[in-house]
Amino acid sequence: MSAHSENALRLKAAVNRADMVLSKPIAHHELLLAVRTALKADYAPREVLTKTGVELDPAQETAVVRGRAIKDLGPSLFDLLYLLAQHAPNYVTGGRIMSSMHLFERDAEVELLVMRLRARLRREFGREMIVAAPDKGFRLDLDFVQAGIGHA
């Protein structure tokens, strides 16, 4: 399997919420890490998350930001938005995103998912809503969200 096709497979698995992806041949330590990660995973249902200007319902996968419903985010982008909103106004590191979303390659998967969510929110609101800092990670810009409440 080429590196390109392996990255595509891992991204497809992430988008479809696969718990994990292992490529052959599987190294012993990689298998043990995957099993440990799966055993530690928190499968408790997430609650509706409400922060100033943001309401996210995991059961319905609905997102309302600044009073506007964002439709058809898909599971991975919804999960990323939920994670960023959950930790806002703090930064979320690429490593935290990787572990929370069961990703394996930060550069390939995390950056692509963040880029897709940024583009989607920019298209909806005409402004950058995810702030990136090289040594900190990513955060949802709640100042923008708060400023827009009641104003579409």
N, C-alpha and C. Protein backbone atom coordinates (compact mmCIF):
# COMPACT_ATOMS: atom_id res chain seq x y z
N MET A 1 0.85 -1.17 0.00
CA MET A 1 0.00 0.00 0.00
C MET A 1 0.89 1.24 0.00
N SER A 2 0.58 2.19 -0.83
CA SER A 2 1.39 3.41 -0.88
C SER A 2 1.03 4.33 0.28
N ALA A 3 1.91 5.27 0.58
CA ALA A 3 1.65 6.23 1.65
C ALA A 3 0.42 7.06 1.33
N HIS A 4 0.25 7.42 0.05
CA HIS A 4 -0.91 8.22 -0.35
C HIS A 4 -2.21 7.46 -0.11
N SER A 5 -2.27 6.20 -0.53
CA SER A 5 -3.51 5.44 -0.36
C SER A 5 -3.76 5.14 1.12
N GLU A 6 -2.68 4.96 1.90
CA GLU A 6 -2.85 4.74 3.34
C GLU A 6 -3.42 5.99 4.00
N ASN A 7 -2.92 7.17 3.64
CA ASN A 7 -3.46 8.41 4.18
C ASN A 7 -4.92 8.59 3.79
N ALA A 8 -5.25 8.27 2.55
CA ALA A 8 -6.64 8.37 2.09
C ALA A 8 -7.54 7.42 2.87
N LEU A 9 -7.05 6.21 3.13
CA LEU A 9 -7.81 5.24 3.90
C LEU A 9 -8.04 5.73 5.33
N ARG A 10 -7.00 6.28 5.94
CA ARG A 10 -7.13 6.79 7.32
C ARG A 10 -8.11 7.97 7.37
N LEU A 11 -8.04 8.85 6.38
CA LEU A 11 -8.97 9.98 6.36
C LEU A 11 -10.40 9.49 6.18
N LYS A 12 -10.59 8.54 5.27
CA LYS A 12 -11.93 7.98 5.05
C LYS A 12 -12.44 7.34 6.35
N ALA A 13 -11.58 6.63 7.05
CA ALA A 13 -11.97 6.00 8.30
C ALA A 13 -12.36 7.06 9.34
N ALA A 14 -11.60 8.16 9.40
CA ALA A 14 -11.90 9.24 10.35
C ALA A 14 -13.23 9.89 10.02
N VAL A 15 -13.47 10.16 8.75
CA VAL A 15 -14.71 10.79 8.33
C VAL A 15 -15.91 9.90 8.69
N ASN A 16 -15.72 8.58 8.61
CA ASN A 16 -16.80 7.64 8.90
C ASN A 16 -16.79 7.16 10.34
N ARG A 17 -15.99 7.82 11.18
CA ARG A 17 -15.91 7.55 12.61
C ARG A 17 -15.45 6.15 12.96
N ALA A 18 -14.55 5.61 12.19
CA ALA A 18 -13.97 4.32 12.56
C ALA A 18 -13.24 4.49 13.89
N ASP A 19 -13.33 3.49 14.73
CA ASP A 19 -12.65 3.57 16.03
C ASP A 19 -11.15 3.60 15.87
N MET A 20 -10.65 2.85 14.89
CA MET A 20 -9.20 2.84 14.64
C MET A 20 -8.92 2.21 13.29
N VAL A 21 -7.73 2.47 12.79
CA VAL A 21 -7.26 1.89 11.53
C VAL A 21 -5.85 1.37 11.78
N LEU A 22 -5.63 0.13 11.43
CA LEU A 22 -4.30 -0.45 11.54
C LEU A 22 -3.90 -0.97 10.17
N SER A 23 -2.68 -0.70 9.77
CA SER A 23 -2.19 -1.15 8.47
C SER A 23 -1.28 -2.35 8.65
N LYS A 24 -1.35 -3.25 7.70
CA LYS A 24 -0.46 -4.42 7.71
C LYS A 24 0.91 -4.02 7.22
N PRO A 25 1.96 -4.58 7.68
CA PRO A 25 2.00 -5.45 8.86
C PRO A 25 1.83 -4.63 10.13
N ILE A 26 1.18 -5.20 11.11
CA ILE A 26 0.90 -4.49 12.36
C ILE A 26 2.02 -4.78 13.35
N ALA A 27 2.66 -3.70 13.80
CA ALA A 27 3.70 -3.83 14.82
C ALA A 27 3.05 -4.13 16.17
N HIS A 28 3.71 -4.94 16.96
CA HIS A 28 3.18 -5.35 18.26
C HIS A 28 2.82 -4.13 19.12
N HIS A 29 3.73 -3.16 19.20
CA HIS A 29 3.48 -1.99 20.04
C HIS A 29 2.30 -1.15 19.51
N GLU A 30 2.12 -1.12 18.18
CA GLU A 30 1.01 -0.38 17.59
C GLU A 30 -0.32 -1.04 17.96
N LEU A 31 -0.35 -2.37 17.93
CA LEU A 31 -1.56 -3.10 18.30
C LEU A 31 -1.90 -2.89 19.76
N LEU A 32 -0.89 -2.96 20.63
CA LEU A 32 -1.13 -2.74 22.06
C LEU A 32 -1.65 -1.33 22.33
N LEU A 33 -1.07 -0.35 21.67
CA LEU A 33 -1.52 1.03 21.83
C LEU A 33 -2.96 1.20 21.36
N ALA A 34 -3.30 0.58 20.23
CA ALA A 34 -4.66 0.67 19.71
C ALA A 34 -5.66 0.03 20.67
N VAL A 35 -5.31 -1.10 21.23
CA VAL A 35 -6.20 -1.79 22.18
C VAL A 35 -6.37 -0.95 23.44
N ARG A 36 -5.25 -0.41 23.97
CA ARG A 36 -5.33 0.46 25.15
C ARG A 36 -6.22 1.67 24.88
N THR A 37 -6.05 2.27 23.73
CA THR A 37 -6.85 3.45 23.37
C THR A 37 -8.32 3.09 23.30
N ALA A 38 -8.64 1.95 22.70
CA ALA A 38 -10.03 1.52 22.58
C ALA A 38 -10.63 1.23 23.95
N LEU A 39 -9.86 0.63 24.84
CA LEU A 39 -10.36 0.32 26.17
C LEU A 39 -10.59 1.57 27.01
N LYS A 40 -9.78 2.60 26.78
CA LYS A 40 -9.91 3.84 27.55
C LYS A 40 -10.97 4.78 26.97
N ALA A 41 -11.43 4.49 25.77
CA ALA A 41 -12.36 5.41 25.10
C ALA A 41 -13.61 5.60 25.94
N ASP A 42 -14.07 6.82 25.98
CA ASP A 42 -15.27 7.16 26.74
C ASP A 42 -16.45 7.08 25.79
N TYR A 43 -17.28 6.05 25.97
CA TYR A 43 -18.41 5.87 25.08
C TYR A 43 -19.70 6.45 25.64
N ALA A 44 -19.60 7.21 26.73
CA ALA A 44 -20.78 7.84 27.30
C ALA A 44 -21.33 8.86 26.31
N PRO A 45 -22.65 8.93 26.19
CA PRO A 45 -23.22 9.91 25.26
C PRO A 45 -22.87 11.33 25.70
N ARG A 46 -22.58 12.18 24.74
CA ARG A 46 -22.27 13.57 25.04
C ARG A 46 -23.57 14.35 25.21
N GLU A 47 -23.51 15.34 26.05
CA GLU A 47 -24.66 16.20 26.32
C GLU A 47 -24.73 17.31 25.27
N VAL A 48 -25.89 17.93 25.19
CA VAL A 48 -26.02 19.13 24.36
C VAL A 48 -25.08 20.16 24.95
N LEU A 49 -24.27 20.77 24.11
CA LEU A 49 -23.28 21.75 24.55
C LEU A 49 -23.80 23.14 24.18
N THR A 50 -23.92 23.98 25.21
CA THR A 50 -24.36 25.35 24.98
C THR A 50 -23.33 26.29 25.57
N LYS A 51 -22.72 27.08 24.71
CA LYS A 51 -21.82 28.16 25.14
C LYS A 51 -22.33 29.41 24.45
N THR A 52 -21.89 30.54 24.89
CA THR A 52 -22.38 31.80 24.33
C THR A 52 -22.34 31.78 22.80
N GLY A 53 -23.50 31.79 22.22
CA GLY A 53 -23.60 31.86 20.76
C GLY A 53 -23.46 30.53 20.04
N VAL A 54 -23.27 29.42 20.79
CA VAL A 54 -23.08 28.11 20.17
C VAL A 54 -23.96 27.09 20.87
N GLU A 55 -24.70 26.30 20.09
CA GLU A 55 -25.45 25.17 20.66
C GLU A 55 -25.23 23.97 19.75
N LEU A 56 -24.71 22.89 20.34
CA LEU A 56 -24.39 21.68 19.58
C LEU A 56 -25.11 20.49 20.22
N ASP A 57 -25.87 19.76 19.41
CA ASP A 57 -26.60 18.60 19.88
C ASP A 57 -26.02 17.34 19.23
N PRO A 58 -25.22 16.58 19.99
CA PRO A 58 -24.58 15.39 19.42
C PRO A 58 -25.57 14.32 18.95
N ALA A 59 -26.67 14.16 19.66
CA ALA A 59 -27.64 13.13 19.28
C ALA A 59 -28.21 13.39 17.88
N GLN A 60 -28.45 14.65 17.58
CA GLN A 60 -29.02 15.02 16.28
C GLN A 60 -27.96 15.51 15.29
N GLU A 61 -26.74 15.70 15.79
CA GLU A 61 -25.65 16.29 15.02
C GLU A 61 -26.08 17.62 14.40
N THR A 62 -26.72 18.45 15.25
CA THR A 62 -27.13 19.77 14.80
C THR A 62 -26.24 20.81 15.46
N ALA A 63 -25.90 21.83 14.69
CA ALA A 63 -25.05 22.91 15.18
C ALA A 63 -25.74 24.23 14.88
N VAL A 64 -25.86 25.06 15.92
CA VAL A 64 -26.39 26.41 15.75
C VAL A 64 -25.34 27.36 16.28
N VAL A 65 -24.86 28.23 15.40
CA VAL A 65 -23.83 29.20 15.76
C VAL A 65 -24.37 30.57 15.39
N ARG A 66 -24.34 31.49 16.37
CA ARG A 66 -24.85 32.86 16.15
C ARG A 66 -26.29 32.83 15.66
N GLY A 67 -27.08 31.88 16.16
CA GLY A 67 -28.48 31.80 15.80
C GLY A 67 -28.75 31.18 14.44
N ARG A 68 -27.72 30.74 13.77
CA ARG A 68 -27.86 30.18 12.42
C ARG A 68 -27.50 28.69 12.44
N ALA A 69 -28.42 27.86 11.93
CA ALA A 69 -28.16 26.42 11.86
C ALA A 69 -27.14 26.15 10.76
N ILE A 70 -26.16 25.33 11.08
CA ILE A 70 -25.18 24.91 10.10
C ILE A 70 -25.53 23.48 9.73
N LYS A 71 -25.96 23.28 8.51
CA LYS A 71 -26.46 21.98 8.09
C LYS A 71 -25.39 21.12 7.45
N ASP A 72 -25.58 19.82 7.60
CA ASP A 72 -24.77 18.82 6.91
C ASP A 72 -23.27 18.97 7.15
N LEU A 73 -22.88 19.12 8.40
CA LEU A 73 -21.45 19.17 8.70
C LEU A 73 -20.81 17.81 8.53
N GLY A 74 -21.55 16.76 8.76
CA GLY A 74 -20.98 15.42 8.74
C GLY A 74 -20.38 15.10 10.09
N PRO A 75 -20.20 13.82 10.38
CA PRO A 75 -19.75 13.41 11.72
C PRO A 75 -18.40 13.96 12.15
N SER A 76 -17.42 13.94 11.29
CA SER A 76 -16.07 14.37 11.71
C SER A 76 -16.00 15.87 11.95
N LEU A 77 -16.58 16.67 11.06
CA LEU A 77 -16.54 18.12 11.25
C LEU A 77 -17.39 18.51 12.46
N PHE A 78 -18.53 17.83 12.67
CA PHE A 78 -19.33 18.10 13.87
C PHE A 78 -18.52 17.79 15.12
N ASP A 79 -17.86 16.63 15.15
CA ASP A 79 -17.06 16.25 16.32
C ASP A 79 -15.94 17.25 16.59
N LEU A 80 -15.31 17.75 15.54
CA LEU A 80 -14.24 18.73 15.70
C LEU A 80 -14.81 20.04 16.25
N LEU A 81 -15.93 20.50 15.71
CA LEU A 81 -16.56 21.72 16.20
C LEU A 81 -16.96 21.55 17.67
N TYR A 82 -17.50 20.40 18.01
CA TYR A 82 -17.90 20.11 19.40
C TYR A 82 -16.68 20.20 20.32
N LEU A 83 -15.58 19.58 19.92
CA LEU A 83 -14.36 19.58 20.72
C LEU A 83 -13.84 21.00 20.91
N LEU A 84 -13.80 21.78 19.83
CA LEU A 84 -13.31 23.16 19.93
C LEU A 84 -14.24 24.02 20.80
N ALA A 85 -15.55 23.85 20.64
CA ALA A 85 -16.51 24.61 21.45
C ALA A 85 -16.44 24.20 22.92
N GLN A 86 -16.26 22.93 23.15
CA GLN A 86 -16.17 22.40 24.51
C GLN A 86 -15.00 23.03 25.28
N HIS A 87 -13.90 23.27 24.59
CA HIS A 87 -12.71 23.81 25.24
C HIS A 87 -12.55 25.32 25.07
N ALA A 88 -13.43 25.95 24.30
CA ALA A 88 -13.33 27.39 24.06
C ALA A 88 -13.47 28.13 25.39
N PRO A 89 -12.72 29.19 25.55
CA PRO A 89 -11.88 29.92 24.61
C PRO A 89 -10.44 29.41 24.56
N ASN A 90 -10.17 28.27 25.17
CA ASN A 90 -8.81 27.74 25.20
C ASN A 90 -8.44 27.06 23.89
N TYR A 91 -7.15 26.92 23.68
CA TYR A 91 -6.64 26.21 22.51
C TYR A 91 -6.72 24.70 22.74
N VAL A 92 -6.92 23.97 21.65
CA VAL A 92 -6.89 22.51 21.67
C VAL A 92 -5.71 22.09 20.79
N THR A 93 -4.81 21.33 21.36
CA THR A 93 -3.62 20.92 20.61
C THR A 93 -3.97 19.89 19.55
N GLY A 94 -3.10 19.77 18.56
CA GLY A 94 -3.28 18.75 17.54
C GLY A 94 -3.30 17.36 18.15
N GLY A 95 -2.48 17.15 19.18
CA GLY A 95 -2.45 15.86 19.86
C GLY A 95 -3.76 15.54 20.55
N ARG A 96 -4.37 16.55 21.14
CA ARG A 96 -5.67 16.36 21.81
C ARG A 96 -6.74 16.04 20.78
N ILE A 97 -6.70 16.72 19.65
CA ILE A 97 -7.65 16.42 18.57
C ILE A 97 -7.44 14.99 18.09
N MET A 98 -6.18 14.61 17.91
CA MET A 98 -5.87 13.24 17.47
C MET A 98 -6.46 12.21 18.42
N SER A 99 -6.21 12.37 19.72
CA SER A 99 -6.67 11.36 20.66
C SER A 99 -8.19 11.38 20.82
N SER A 100 -8.79 12.55 20.82
CA SER A 100 -10.24 12.65 20.98
C SER A 100 -10.99 12.08 19.78
N MET A 101 -10.40 12.24 18.60
CA MET A 101 -11.07 11.79 17.38
C MET A 101 -10.47 10.50 16.84
N HIS A 102 -9.57 9.89 17.61
CA HIS A 102 -8.94 8.62 17.23
C HIS A 102 -8.22 8.71 15.89
N LEU A 103 -7.44 9.76 15.73
CA LEU A 103 -6.65 9.94 14.52
C LEU A 103 -5.22 9.51 14.82
N PHE A 104 -4.45 9.19 13.79
CA PHE A 104 -3.11 8.69 14.00
C PHE A 104 -2.02 9.61 13.47
N GLU A 105 -2.31 10.44 12.47
CA GLU A 105 -1.28 11.26 11.86
C GLU A 105 -1.70 12.73 11.89
N ARG A 106 -1.12 13.50 12.81
CA ARG A 106 -1.52 14.89 13.01
C ARG A 106 -1.45 15.70 11.73
N ASP A 107 -0.31 15.66 11.07
CA ASP A 107 -0.14 16.51 9.90
C ASP A 107 -1.16 16.21 8.81
N ALA A 108 -1.41 14.95 8.57
CA ALA A 108 -2.29 14.58 7.47
C ALA A 108 -3.76 14.77 7.83
N GLU A 109 -4.18 14.24 8.95
CA GLU A 109 -5.61 14.19 9.25
C GLU A 109 -6.13 15.42 10.01
N VAL A 110 -5.45 15.81 11.07
CA VAL A 110 -5.92 16.94 11.87
C VAL A 110 -5.94 18.21 11.03
N GLU A 111 -4.84 18.49 10.34
CA GLU A 111 -4.77 19.71 9.53
C GLU A 111 -5.87 19.74 8.46
N LEU A 112 -6.13 18.60 7.84
CA LEU A 112 -7.16 18.54 6.80
C LEU A 112 -8.55 18.76 7.39
N LEU A 113 -8.85 18.14 8.52
CA LEU A 113 -10.15 18.33 9.14
C LEU A 113 -10.35 19.78 9.60
N VAL A 114 -9.31 20.36 10.21
CA VAL A 114 -9.41 21.76 10.64
C VAL A 114 -9.60 22.66 9.42
N MET A 115 -8.85 22.41 8.36
CA MET A 115 -8.98 23.22 7.14
C MET A 115 -10.41 23.13 6.58
N ARG A 116 -10.99 21.94 6.58
CA ARG A 116 -12.35 21.77 6.07
C ARG A 116 -13.37 22.49 6.94
N LEU A 117 -13.22 22.40 8.28
CA LEU A 117 -14.15 23.09 9.17
C LEU A 117 -13.99 24.60 9.05
N ARG A 118 -12.76 25.08 8.97
CA ARG A 118 -12.52 26.52 8.81
C ARG A 118 -13.20 27.04 7.55
N ALA A 119 -13.02 26.30 6.45
CA ALA A 119 -13.62 26.72 5.17
C ALA A 119 -15.14 26.73 5.27
N ARG A 120 -15.69 25.73 5.92
CA ARG A 120 -17.15 25.65 6.05
C ARG A 120 -17.69 26.81 6.87
N LEU A 121 -17.06 27.12 8.01
CA LEU A 121 -17.51 28.23 8.85
C LEU A 121 -17.29 29.57 8.16
N ARG A 122 -16.18 29.70 7.43
CA ARG A 122 -15.91 30.93 6.68
C ARG A 122 -16.99 31.16 5.62
N ARG A 123 -17.39 30.08 4.97
CA ARG A 123 -18.45 30.18 3.95
C ARG A 123 -19.78 30.61 4.58
N GLU A 124 -20.06 30.10 5.76
CA GLU A 124 -21.32 30.43 6.46
C GLU A 124 -21.33 31.86 6.99
N PHE A 125 -20.18 32.30 7.53
CA PHE A 125 -20.16 33.57 8.26
C PHE A 125 -19.29 34.65 7.64
N GLY A 126 -18.56 34.32 6.59
CA GLY A 126 -17.73 35.32 5.92
C GLY A 126 -16.54 35.79 6.74
N ARG A 127 -16.15 35.01 7.71
CA ARG A 127 -15.05 35.41 8.60
C ARG A 127 -14.39 34.16 9.17
N GLU A 128 -13.12 34.29 9.51
CA GLU A 128 -12.39 33.18 10.13
C GLU A 128 -12.90 32.99 11.56
N MET A 129 -13.32 31.79 11.89
CA MET A 129 -13.84 31.53 13.24
C MET A 129 -12.96 30.58 14.04
N ILE A 130 -11.96 29.99 13.39
CA ILE A 130 -11.02 29.12 14.10
C ILE A 130 -9.65 29.77 14.06
N VAL A 131 -9.11 30.01 15.23
CA VAL A 131 -7.80 30.64 15.36
C VAL A 131 -6.76 29.54 15.53
N ALA A 132 -5.66 29.66 14.80
CA ALA A 132 -4.56 28.70 14.91
C ALA A 132 -3.33 29.41 15.45
N ALA A 133 -2.64 28.76 16.37
CA ALA A 133 -1.37 29.27 16.90
C ALA A 133 -0.37 28.12 16.84
N PRO A 134 0.78 28.34 16.22
CA PRO A 134 1.74 27.26 15.98
C PRO A 134 2.09 26.40 17.20
N ASP A 135 2.30 27.00 18.35
CA ASP A 135 2.71 26.22 19.52
C ASP A 135 1.56 25.90 20.47
N LYS A 136 0.35 26.33 20.12
CA LYS A 136 -0.79 26.14 21.02
C LYS A 136 -1.84 25.20 20.44
N GLY A 137 -2.11 25.30 19.16
CA GLY A 137 -3.15 24.48 18.55
C GLY A 137 -4.22 25.33 17.90
N PHE A 138 -5.48 24.99 18.15
CA PHE A 138 -6.61 25.64 17.50
C PHE A 138 -7.65 25.99 18.56
N ARG A 139 -8.38 27.10 18.29
CA ARG A 139 -9.47 27.45 19.20
C ARG A 139 -10.60 28.11 18.41
N LEU A 140 -11.79 27.98 18.95
CA LEU A 140 -12.96 28.63 18.37
C LEU A 140 -12.97 30.07 18.86
N ASP A 141 -13.16 31.01 17.95
CA ASP A 141 -13.16 32.43 18.29
C ASP A 141 -14.51 32.82 18.87
N LEU A 142 -14.66 32.67 20.19
CA LEU A 142 -15.93 32.98 20.84
C LEU A 142 -16.23 34.48 20.86
N ASP A 143 -15.19 35.33 20.76
CA ASP A 143 -15.44 36.78 20.71
C ASP A 143 -16.29 37.11 19.50
N PHE A 144 -15.96 36.51 18.35
CA PHE A 144 -16.75 36.73 17.15
C PHE A 144 -18.15 36.17 17.31
N VAL A 145 -18.25 34.98 17.89
CA VAL A 145 -19.55 34.35 18.08
C VAL A 145 -20.41 35.20 18.98
N GLN A 146 -19.86 35.67 20.11
CA GLN A 146 -20.62 36.50 21.04
C GLN A 146 -21.05 37.82 20.42
N ALA A 147 -20.16 38.44 19.66
CA ALA A 147 -20.46 39.73 19.05
C ALA A 147 -21.60 39.63 18.06
N GLY A 148 -21.80 38.46 17.50
CA GLY A 148 -22.82 38.31 16.47
C GLY A 148 -24.16 37.85 16.96
N ILE A 149 -24.34 37.64 18.25
CA ILE A 149 -25.64 37.16 18.73
C ILE A 149 -26.71 38.18 18.42
N GLY A 150 -27.75 37.69 17.78
CA GLY A 150 -28.84 38.58 17.39
C GLY A 150 -28.59 39.30 16.09
N HIS A 151 -27.42 39.14 15.51
CA HIS A 151 -27.07 39.78 14.24
C HIS A 151 -26.61 38.71 13.27
N ALA A 152 -27.32 38.45 12.22
CA ALA A 152 -26.94 37.40 11.27
C ALA A 152 -25.82 37.82 10.38
